[in-house]
Amino acid sequence: MAAVLSSDNLRAAWKRVKANKGAPGIDGITIEDFPAHLRAHWGDIRSQLDHGRYRPSAVRRVEIPKEDGSKRLLGIPTLMDRVIQQAIAQVLTPIFDPGFSASSFGFRPGRNAHQAIQQVQRYVKDGNTVAVDIDLAKFFDTVNHDVLMNIIGRTIHDKALLALIGRYLRAGVLVGEHIEPSDMGTPQGGPMSPLLANILLNELDHELERRGHRFARYADDMVILVKTQRAGERVMQSLTRVLEGRLKLKINPAKSKVAKMSECGFLGFTIVRGKIRWLEKKLAAFKHRVKELTGRSWGVSMGFRLNKLGQYVRGWMGYFGISEYYTPIPELDEWIRRRMRMCYWKQWRWPRTKIKHLLAMGVSLKTAIQHATSSKSYWHMARTPAMQHALNNDWLKAQGLPSIKNLWCKAQGYS
């Protein structure tokens, strides 16, 4: 507890929380308001922490839509509680992280999702082509507090710190105007949640290692690789007993399965013939978002649109660019460029304006008039030779439109 409350640790915690930004908790105090709030109240809060009387505020419930139509429940703590939780996490991480499995990649220093999927790829190439794909039902909402605190208590013996962690687990959730008790779960949204999840699931990791299984885990997303369907069925049965019996977690039977890795997804990817590919549903979500950003009815400036589109495309390719499947890349580039040409054609709107821009971009007067007076759709006109010549690839690049192909080549390490 002394290490948690040291000035250097608390200062580093506030710096991290501030950098992460984020919405206010139930008290409405923002990042900008927090320094003044801290100066006014820290003396009293520090005294409460020192004497074991501090009671964390309930978290604010936020629902985030998921791709399958369901909602992910986040719990947003107050900034004061985020700083304290971050301070706790900074002290506990160096204690627990060295004991975590080498096959655990989520929310750990120097580890990421790309490393996890690349490890799965290596196991598949070694002949472990059958995946035991385990989906934990609402994992963060169903963590058993007694099981978790018992595991933490094997390593941490400071009763004051254990009590504070327990109070955070039981702080409650503000839903509407009422605070609901949190008898189980560790709400996503707090700085401690990822670490607590890894501490709990480390028990599963070591059980898998003891049995000699090949696997990769990122938070509650995991896949075990075996050589045959029969072996996979046995692993699924035995791990169900471990998860539901020892760790008091629930497996979602509708989403858990034993199948070829090429038929399973892990962190947005799959492995097909030894190659990493993004899942088709992830590509569909990408195209849906690009359609929104290039929608004709979005009344924003072209500069703003290109900036937002560029940010999204670069971010998406920064993650999914490790896909080794090149075939869809050129088509995606062409499709995005066509959508941007459609946006420009809609923006120009009037025949006189269209003629003016086309002429300025080197299109002949006759062709410019034919295009400007055409009754064909915006989408059709975006693919005409004249528009492709006027708003060519280099011109769109100069406006700030990134190339999927260039981003993919960079992600693959090609010059």
Protein backbone atom coordinates (compact mmCIF):
# COMPACT_ATOMS: atom_id res chain seq x y z
CA MET A 1 0.00 0.00 0.00
CA ALA A 2 2.90 2.33 0.72
CA ALA A 3 4.24 1.72 -2.79
CA VAL A 4 0.81 2.42 -4.29
CA LEU A 5 0.50 5.75 -2.45
CA SER A 6 4.06 6.95 -3.06
CA SER A 7 4.24 10.37 -4.72
CA ASP A 8 6.19 9.10 -7.74
CA ASN A 9 3.75 6.27 -8.36
CA LEU A 10 0.69 8.50 -8.04
CA ARG A 11 2.25 11.11 -10.31
CA ALA A 12 2.94 8.45 -12.96
CA ALA A 13 -0.62 7.12 -12.56
CA TRP A 14 -2.15 10.56 -13.16
CA LYS A 15 0.09 11.07 -16.21
CA ARG A 16 -1.13 7.76 -17.66
CA VAL A 17 -4.80 8.45 -16.91
CA LYS A 18 -4.52 11.93 -18.40
CA ALA A 19 -2.91 10.57 -21.57
CA ASN A 20 -5.71 8.01 -21.96
CA LYS A 21 -8.28 10.84 -21.71
CA GLY A 22 -11.71 9.24 -21.46
CA ALA A 23 -15.12 10.29 -20.21
CA PRO A 24 -15.92 11.39 -16.65
CA GLY A 25 -17.41 9.06 -14.05
CA ILE A 26 -20.60 9.53 -12.05
CA ASP A 27 -19.28 12.74 -10.43
CA GLY A 28 -18.98 14.46 -13.83
CA ILE A 29 -15.40 15.62 -13.17
CA THR A 30 -13.44 15.90 -16.42
CA ILE A 31 -9.72 15.66 -17.17
CA GLU A 32 -9.55 19.45 -17.24
CA ASP A 33 -11.36 19.80 -13.89
CA PHE A 34 -9.43 17.09 -12.07
CA PRO A 35 -6.26 18.96 -10.93
CA ALA A 36 -8.32 21.53 -9.04
CA HIS A 37 -10.53 18.78 -7.56
CA LEU A 38 -7.44 16.85 -6.50
CA ARG A 39 -5.90 19.86 -4.72
CA ALA A 40 -9.13 20.47 -2.82
CA HIS A 41 -9.80 16.88 -1.74
CA TRP A 42 -6.59 14.83 -1.83
CA GLY A 43 -5.67 15.44 1.81
CA ASP A 44 -8.92 13.89 3.02
CA ILE A 45 -8.82 11.04 0.48
CA ARG A 46 -5.22 10.23 1.34
CA SER A 47 -6.15 10.04 5.01
CA GLN A 48 -9.05 7.70 4.20
CA LEU A 49 -6.72 5.48 2.14
CA ASP A 50 -4.12 5.40 4.92
CA HIS A 51 -6.72 4.35 7.50
CA GLY A 52 -8.65 1.88 5.30
CA ARG A 53 -11.79 4.04 5.20
CA TYR A 54 -11.79 4.99 1.52
CA ARG A 55 -14.88 3.88 -0.38
CA PRO A 56 -14.65 3.96 -4.19
CA SER A 57 -17.52 5.51 -6.14
CA ALA A 58 -19.80 3.33 -8.25
CA VAL A 59 -18.84 3.11 -11.93
CA ARG A 60 -20.94 4.68 -14.68
CA ARG A 61 -22.56 2.13 -17.00
CA VAL A 62 -21.88 2.61 -20.72
CA GLU A 63 -23.16 0.24 -23.40
CA ILE A 64 -21.03 -0.26 -26.51
CA PRO A 65 -22.71 -1.97 -29.52
CA LYS A 66 -21.00 -5.17 -30.71
CA GLU A 67 -20.93 -6.56 -34.24
CA ASP A 68 -23.42 -9.31 -33.39
CA GLY A 69 -26.00 -6.77 -32.21
CA SER A 70 -25.41 -7.34 -28.50
CA LYS A 71 -23.96 -4.75 -26.10
CA ARG A 72 -20.60 -4.68 -24.34
CA LEU A 73 -21.02 -3.26 -20.84
CA LEU A 74 -18.34 -0.84 -19.75
CA GLY A 75 -17.96 0.62 -16.28
CA ILE A 76 -16.37 4.07 -16.23
CA PRO A 77 -14.86 4.93 -12.80
CA THR A 78 -14.43 8.50 -11.59
CA LEU A 79 -11.08 10.08 -12.41
CA MET A 80 -10.03 9.83 -8.77
CA ASP A 81 -10.70 6.10 -8.80
CA ARG A 82 -9.00 5.72 -12.18
CA VAL A 83 -5.84 7.29 -10.77
CA ILE A 84 -5.90 5.07 -7.67
CA GLN A 85 -6.62 1.96 -9.75
CA GLN A 86 -3.78 2.87 -12.12
CA ALA A 87 -1.47 3.33 -9.15
CA ILE A 88 -2.43 -0.15 -7.89
CA ALA A 89 -1.92 -1.68 -11.34
CA GLN A 90 1.54 -0.10 -11.63
CA VAL A 91 2.61 -1.75 -8.38
CA LEU A 92 1.01 -5.15 -9.03
CA THR A 93 2.09 -5.57 -12.67
CA PRO A 94 5.84 -6.02 -11.95
CA ILE A 95 4.89 -8.53 -9.25
CA PHE A 96 2.51 -10.68 -11.28
CA ASP A 97 3.61 -10.24 -14.89
CA PRO A 98 6.85 -12.26 -14.65
CA GLY A 99 4.77 -15.27 -13.60
CA PHE A 100 2.36 -15.02 -16.51
CA SER A 101 2.50 -17.51 -19.37
CA ALA A 102 4.56 -16.78 -22.47
CA SER A 103 1.38 -17.57 -24.41
CA SER A 104 -0.57 -14.72 -22.78
CA PHE A 105 -0.42 -11.60 -24.95
CA GLY A 106 -3.19 -9.27 -23.79
CA PHE A 107 -2.56 -6.05 -21.83
CA ARG A 108 1.04 -6.90 -21.02
CA PRO A 109 4.18 -4.80 -21.50
CA GLY A 110 5.86 -5.52 -24.84
CA ARG A 111 3.11 -7.88 -26.03
CA ASN A 112 0.32 -7.44 -28.56
CA ALA A 113 -2.37 -9.13 -30.61
CA HIS A 114 -0.13 -9.51 -33.68
CA GLN A 115 2.28 -11.66 -31.68
CA ALA A 116 -0.63 -13.82 -30.55
CA ILE A 117 -1.93 -14.54 -34.06
CA GLN A 118 1.61 -15.14 -35.33
CA GLN A 119 2.10 -17.75 -32.60
CA VAL A 120 -1.13 -19.45 -33.70
CA GLN A 121 0.18 -19.40 -37.27
CA ARG A 122 3.38 -21.18 -36.20
CA TYR A 123 1.40 -23.88 -34.42
CA VAL A 124 -0.80 -24.40 -37.48
CA LYS A 125 2.27 -24.71 -39.73
CA ASP A 126 3.60 -27.37 -37.33
CA GLY A 127 0.51 -29.47 -38.04
CA ASN A 128 -1.78 -28.37 -35.22
CA THR A 129 -4.59 -27.42 -37.57
CA VAL A 130 -7.59 -28.08 -35.28
CA ALA A 131 -8.65 -25.26 -32.97
CA VAL A 132 -10.42 -25.49 -29.64
CA ASP A 133 -12.14 -22.12 -29.80
CA ILE A 134 -13.43 -21.27 -26.31
CA ASP A 135 -15.74 -18.31 -25.80
CA LEU A 136 -16.27 -17.23 -22.20
CA ALA A 137 -19.79 -15.94 -21.64
CA LYS A 138 -19.64 -12.28 -20.52
CA PHE A 139 -16.27 -12.91 -18.87
CA PHE A 140 -15.70 -9.48 -17.30
CA ASP A 141 -19.25 -9.48 -15.90
CA THR A 142 -19.02 -12.94 -14.33
CA VAL A 143 -15.63 -13.03 -12.58
CA ASN A 144 -16.10 -14.63 -9.17
CA HIS A 145 -14.72 -12.23 -6.55
CA ASP A 146 -13.85 -14.92 -4.00
CA VAL A 147 -11.87 -16.97 -6.53
CA LEU A 148 -10.02 -13.89 -7.81
CA MET A 149 -9.20 -12.51 -4.35
CA ASN A 150 -7.98 -15.93 -3.21
CA ILE A 151 -5.56 -16.06 -6.14
CA ILE A 152 -4.31 -12.51 -5.50
CA GLY A 153 -3.96 -13.26 -1.79
CA ARG A 154 -1.46 -16.05 -2.49
CA THR A 155 1.03 -13.39 -3.63
CA ILE A 156 -0.08 -10.13 -2.01
CA HIS A 157 -0.24 -10.22 1.79
CA ASP A 158 -0.90 -6.54 2.50
CA LYS A 159 -4.37 -6.67 4.03
CA ALA A 160 -5.04 -2.97 3.43
CA LEU A 161 -4.34 -3.28 -0.29
CA LEU A 162 -6.37 -6.48 -0.57
CA ALA A 163 -9.30 -4.78 1.15
CA LEU A 164 -9.08 -1.80 -1.22
CA ILE A 165 -9.05 -4.09 -4.28
CA GLY A 166 -12.06 -5.92 -2.87
CA ARG A 167 -13.92 -2.64 -2.39
CA TYR A 168 -13.24 -1.71 -6.01
CA LEU A 169 -14.71 -5.03 -7.13
CA ARG A 170 -17.83 -4.39 -5.06
CA ALA A 171 -18.18 -0.64 -5.74
CA GLY A 172 -21.44 -1.04 -7.68
CA VAL A 173 -22.70 0.28 -11.00
CA LEU A 174 -24.86 3.34 -11.63
CA VAL A 175 -27.63 2.26 -14.01
CA GLY A 176 -30.03 5.08 -14.75
CA GLU A 177 -30.54 6.78 -11.41
CA HIS A 178 -29.93 3.74 -9.22
CA ILE A 179 -26.73 2.08 -8.02
CA GLU A 180 -26.80 -1.68 -8.53
CA PRO A 181 -24.53 -3.90 -6.43
CA SER A 182 -21.62 -5.67 -8.15
CA ASP A 183 -21.55 -9.07 -6.51
CA MET A 184 -19.43 -10.48 -9.33
CA GLY A 185 -17.41 -9.23 -12.27
CA THR A 186 -14.65 -6.71 -12.83
CA PRO A 187 -16.11 -3.94 -15.02
CA GLN A 188 -14.29 -3.18 -18.25
CA GLY A 189 -13.23 0.43 -18.30
CA GLY A 190 -11.10 0.58 -15.15
CA PRO A 191 -7.27 0.44 -15.24
CA MET A 192 -7.18 -2.63 -12.96
CA SER A 193 -9.56 -4.80 -15.00
CA PRO A 194 -7.09 -6.12 -17.61
CA LEU A 195 -4.54 -7.05 -14.96
CA LEU A 196 -7.15 -8.76 -12.76
CA ALA A 197 -8.37 -10.72 -15.79
CA ASN A 198 -4.84 -11.91 -16.52
CA ILE A 199 -4.29 -12.87 -12.88
CA LEU A 200 -7.42 -15.03 -12.92
CA LEU A 201 -6.87 -16.61 -16.34
CA ASN A 202 -3.21 -17.27 -15.59
CA GLU A 203 -4.54 -20.25 -13.64
CA LEU A 204 -5.93 -21.62 -16.91
CA ASP A 205 -2.70 -20.81 -18.78
CA HIS A 206 -0.57 -22.82 -16.37
CA GLU A 207 -3.01 -25.72 -16.50
CA LEU A 208 -2.70 -25.73 -20.30
CA GLU A 209 1.09 -25.60 -20.05
CA ARG A 210 1.12 -28.43 -17.51
CA ARG A 211 -0.79 -30.56 -20.02
CA GLY A 212 1.59 -29.62 -22.83
CA HIS A 213 -0.99 -27.80 -24.96
CA ARG A 214 -0.15 -25.22 -27.61
CA PHE A 215 -2.29 -22.12 -27.25
CA ALA A 216 -2.48 -18.34 -27.38
CA ARG A 217 -4.58 -16.07 -25.20
CA TYR A 218 -5.36 -12.37 -25.40
CA ALA A 219 -7.42 -11.34 -22.35
CA ASP A 220 -10.51 -13.60 -22.47
CA ASP A 221 -10.01 -14.51 -26.15
CA MET A 222 -8.17 -17.80 -26.48
CA VAL A 223 -7.55 -20.69 -28.86
CA ILE A 224 -5.87 -24.06 -28.23
CA LEU A 225 -4.31 -25.88 -31.21
CA VAL A 226 -4.31 -29.68 -31.52
CA LYS A 227 -3.74 -32.16 -34.33
CA THR A 228 -7.08 -33.99 -34.52
CA GLN A 229 -10.78 -33.35 -34.03
CA ARG A 230 -10.96 -36.13 -31.44
CA ALA A 231 -8.15 -34.57 -29.38
CA GLY A 232 -9.90 -31.23 -29.62
CA GLU A 233 -13.16 -32.65 -28.27
CA ARG A 234 -11.31 -34.14 -25.29
CA VAL A 235 -9.57 -30.82 -24.57
CA MET A 236 -12.88 -28.95 -24.77
CA GLN A 237 -14.48 -31.28 -22.23
CA SER A 238 -11.59 -31.18 -19.76
CA LEU A 239 -11.16 -27.40 -19.97
CA THR A 240 -14.86 -26.87 -19.43
CA ARG A 241 -14.47 -28.63 -16.08
CA VAL A 242 -11.50 -26.41 -15.16
CA LEU A 243 -13.17 -23.16 -16.18
CA GLU A 244 -16.58 -23.84 -14.71
CA GLY A 245 -15.42 -25.85 -11.70
CA ARG A 246 -12.21 -24.28 -10.45
CA LEU A 247 -12.52 -20.74 -11.84
CA LYS A 248 -16.34 -20.45 -11.68
CA LEU A 249 -16.55 -19.08 -15.25
CA LYS A 250 -19.12 -19.96 -17.90
CA ILE A 251 -18.40 -21.18 -21.43
CA ASN A 252 -20.74 -19.94 -24.15
CA PRO A 253 -21.69 -23.18 -25.98
CA ALA A 254 -23.21 -21.28 -28.92
CA LYS A 255 -19.90 -19.59 -29.74
CA SER A 256 -17.43 -22.25 -28.60
CA LYS A 257 -16.43 -25.02 -31.00
CA VAL A 258 -13.81 -27.48 -32.15
CA ALA A 259 -13.03 -27.05 -35.84
CA LYS A 260 -10.28 -26.44 -38.36
CA MET A 261 -8.43 -23.22 -37.58
CA SER A 262 -9.42 -21.97 -41.05
CA GLU A 263 -13.04 -22.10 -39.84
CA CYS A 264 -12.34 -20.20 -36.61
CA GLY A 265 -11.53 -16.61 -35.79
CA PHE A 266 -9.01 -15.24 -33.32
CA LEU A 267 -8.54 -11.52 -32.69
CA GLY A 268 -10.14 -10.69 -36.05
CA PHE A 269 -8.02 -13.13 -38.05
CA THR A 270 -7.96 -16.72 -39.20
CA ILE A 271 -5.27 -18.97 -40.69
CA VAL A 272 -5.90 -20.38 -44.19
CA ARG A 273 -3.29 -22.69 -45.74
CA GLY A 274 -0.74 -21.39 -43.26
CA LYS A 275 -1.38 -17.73 -44.10
CA ILE A 276 -2.86 -15.05 -41.84
CA ARG A 277 -6.11 -13.58 -43.19
CA TRP A 278 -8.52 -11.05 -41.78
CA LEU A 279 -12.02 -12.37 -41.14
CA GLU A 280 -14.62 -11.55 -43.78
CA LYS A 281 -16.88 -10.00 -41.15
CA LYS A 282 -14.07 -7.58 -40.25
CA LEU A 283 -13.74 -6.57 -43.90
CA ALA A 284 -17.52 -6.11 -44.08
CA ALA A 285 -17.40 -3.85 -41.01
CA PHE A 286 -14.54 -1.87 -42.59
CA LYS A 287 -16.48 -1.32 -45.81
CA HIS A 288 -19.57 -0.30 -43.87
CA ARG A 289 -17.60 2.36 -42.01
CA VAL A 290 -15.94 3.61 -45.21
CA LYS A 291 -19.40 3.94 -46.76
CA GLU A 292 -20.44 6.10 -43.81
CA LEU A 293 -17.35 8.28 -44.17
CA THR A 294 -17.90 8.65 -47.92
CA GLY A 295 -21.68 9.02 -47.76
CA ARG A 296 -22.99 11.63 -50.20
CA SER A 297 -25.37 13.11 -47.63
CA TRP A 298 -22.69 13.80 -45.00
CA GLY A 299 -22.56 17.57 -44.99
CA VAL A 300 -18.91 18.21 -44.14
CA SER A 301 -16.03 19.78 -46.03
CA MET A 302 -13.97 17.54 -48.27
CA GLY A 303 -10.88 18.25 -46.20
CA PHE A 304 -12.60 17.10 -43.01
CA ARG A 305 -13.96 13.99 -44.78
CA LEU A 306 -10.55 13.03 -46.17
CA ASN A 307 -8.93 13.55 -42.77
CA LYS A 308 -11.44 11.29 -40.99
CA LEU A 309 -11.30 8.69 -43.77
CA GLY A 310 -7.50 8.72 -43.74
CA GLN A 311 -7.37 8.28 -39.97
CA TYR A 312 -9.75 5.33 -40.10
CA VAL A 313 -8.06 3.59 -43.04
CA ARG A 314 -4.59 3.97 -41.53
CA GLY A 315 -5.78 2.73 -38.15
CA TRP A 316 -7.57 -0.27 -39.65
CA MET A 317 -4.62 -1.24 -41.83
CA GLY A 318 -2.25 -0.68 -38.91
CA TYR A 319 -3.98 -3.63 -37.26
CA PHE A 320 -5.30 -5.76 -40.12
CA GLY A 321 -2.40 -5.09 -42.48
CA ILE A 322 -0.59 -8.20 -41.23
CA SER A 323 -3.08 -10.24 -43.29
CA GLU A 324 -1.02 -12.07 -45.92
CA TYR A 325 -3.92 -12.29 -48.38
CA TYR A 326 -3.14 -9.79 -51.15
CA THR A 327 -6.01 -10.51 -53.58
CA PRO A 328 -8.58 -8.03 -52.16
CA ILE A 329 -6.08 -5.19 -51.71
CA PRO A 330 -6.14 -3.58 -55.20
CA GLU A 331 -9.92 -3.90 -55.39
CA LEU A 332 -10.29 -2.11 -52.03
CA ASP A 333 -8.09 0.73 -53.24
CA GLU A 334 -10.13 1.10 -56.42
CA TRP A 335 -13.42 1.00 -54.52
CA ILE A 336 -12.38 3.70 -52.02
CA ARG A 337 -11.07 5.96 -54.78
CA ARG A 338 -14.33 5.55 -56.68
CA ARG A 339 -16.32 6.50 -53.59
CA MET A 340 -14.23 9.65 -53.17
CA ARG A 341 -14.76 10.58 -56.84
CA MET A 342 -18.47 10.13 -56.25
CA CYS A 343 -18.25 12.53 -53.28
CA TYR A 344 -16.53 15.16 -55.39
CA TRP A 345 -19.07 14.75 -58.20
CA LYS A 346 -21.89 15.27 -55.68
CA GLN A 347 -20.13 18.26 -54.13
CA TRP A 348 -19.75 19.99 -57.49
CA ARG A 349 -23.52 19.64 -57.88
CA TRP A 350 -24.31 22.13 -60.68
CA PRO A 351 -23.42 21.52 -64.36
CA ARG A 352 -21.50 24.82 -64.57
CA THR A 353 -19.40 23.87 -61.53
CA LYS A 354 -18.74 20.40 -62.89
CA ILE A 355 -17.60 21.78 -66.24
CA LYS A 356 -15.32 24.28 -64.51
CA HIS A 357 -13.57 21.62 -62.40
CA LEU A 358 -13.27 19.10 -65.24
CA LEU A 359 -11.74 21.70 -67.55
CA ALA A 360 -9.29 22.75 -64.84
CA MET A 361 -8.22 19.10 -64.52
CA GLY A 362 -7.48 18.64 -68.22
CA VAL A 363 -10.77 17.23 -69.55
CA SER A 364 -11.85 18.49 -72.99
CA LEU A 365 -14.76 20.92 -73.20
CA LYS A 366 -16.93 18.47 -75.16
CA THR A 367 -16.39 15.67 -72.64
CA ALA A 368 -16.88 18.02 -69.70
CA ILE A 369 -20.26 19.19 -71.05
CA GLN A 370 -21.36 15.61 -71.77
CA HIS A 371 -20.54 14.57 -68.22
CA ALA A 372 -21.97 17.67 -66.56
CA THR A 373 -25.32 17.24 -68.29
CA SER A 374 -25.54 13.46 -67.82
CA SER A 375 -28.48 12.10 -65.83
CA LYS A 376 -26.63 8.97 -64.78
CA SER A 377 -26.03 8.22 -61.10
CA TYR A 378 -23.20 9.66 -59.03
CA TRP A 379 -21.80 6.15 -58.60
CA HIS A 380 -21.81 5.53 -62.35
CA MET A 381 -20.17 8.87 -63.14
CA ALA A 382 -17.43 8.22 -60.57
CA ARG A 383 -16.08 5.45 -62.79
CA THR A 384 -16.08 7.21 -66.15
CA PRO A 385 -12.68 7.62 -67.87
CA ALA A 386 -13.00 11.40 -67.63
CA MET A 387 -13.43 11.35 -63.83
CA GLN A 388 -10.62 8.82 -63.45
CA HIS A 389 -8.40 11.10 -65.54
CA ALA A 390 -9.40 14.30 -63.75
CA LEU A 391 -9.32 12.91 -60.20
CA ASN A 392 -6.51 10.46 -60.84
CA ASN A 393 -4.78 8.39 -58.19
CA ASP A 394 -1.92 10.84 -57.70
CA TRP A 395 -4.34 13.76 -57.33
CA LEU A 396 -6.39 11.91 -54.69
CA LYS A 397 -3.18 10.99 -52.87
CA ALA A 398 -2.19 14.67 -52.84
CA GLN A 399 -5.54 15.49 -51.21
CA GLY A 400 -4.71 13.10 -48.36
CA LEU A 401 -6.31 9.80 -49.46
CA PRO A 402 -4.08 6.91 -48.32
CA SER A 403 -3.43 3.85 -50.47
CA ILE A 404 -4.47 0.47 -49.04
CA LYS A 405 -1.78 -1.19 -51.15
CA ASN A 406 0.99 1.08 -49.82
CA LEU A 407 -0.17 0.58 -46.24
CA TRP A 408 -0.32 -3.19 -46.75
CA CYS A 409 3.17 -3.30 -48.26
CA LYS A 410 4.50 -1.31 -45.32
CA ALA A 411 2.83 -3.67 -42.84
CA GLN A 412 4.33 -6.65 -44.67
CA GLY A 413 7.80 -5.09 -44.56
CA TYR A 414 8.05 -4.52 -48.30
CA SER A 415 9.79 -1.42 -49.61
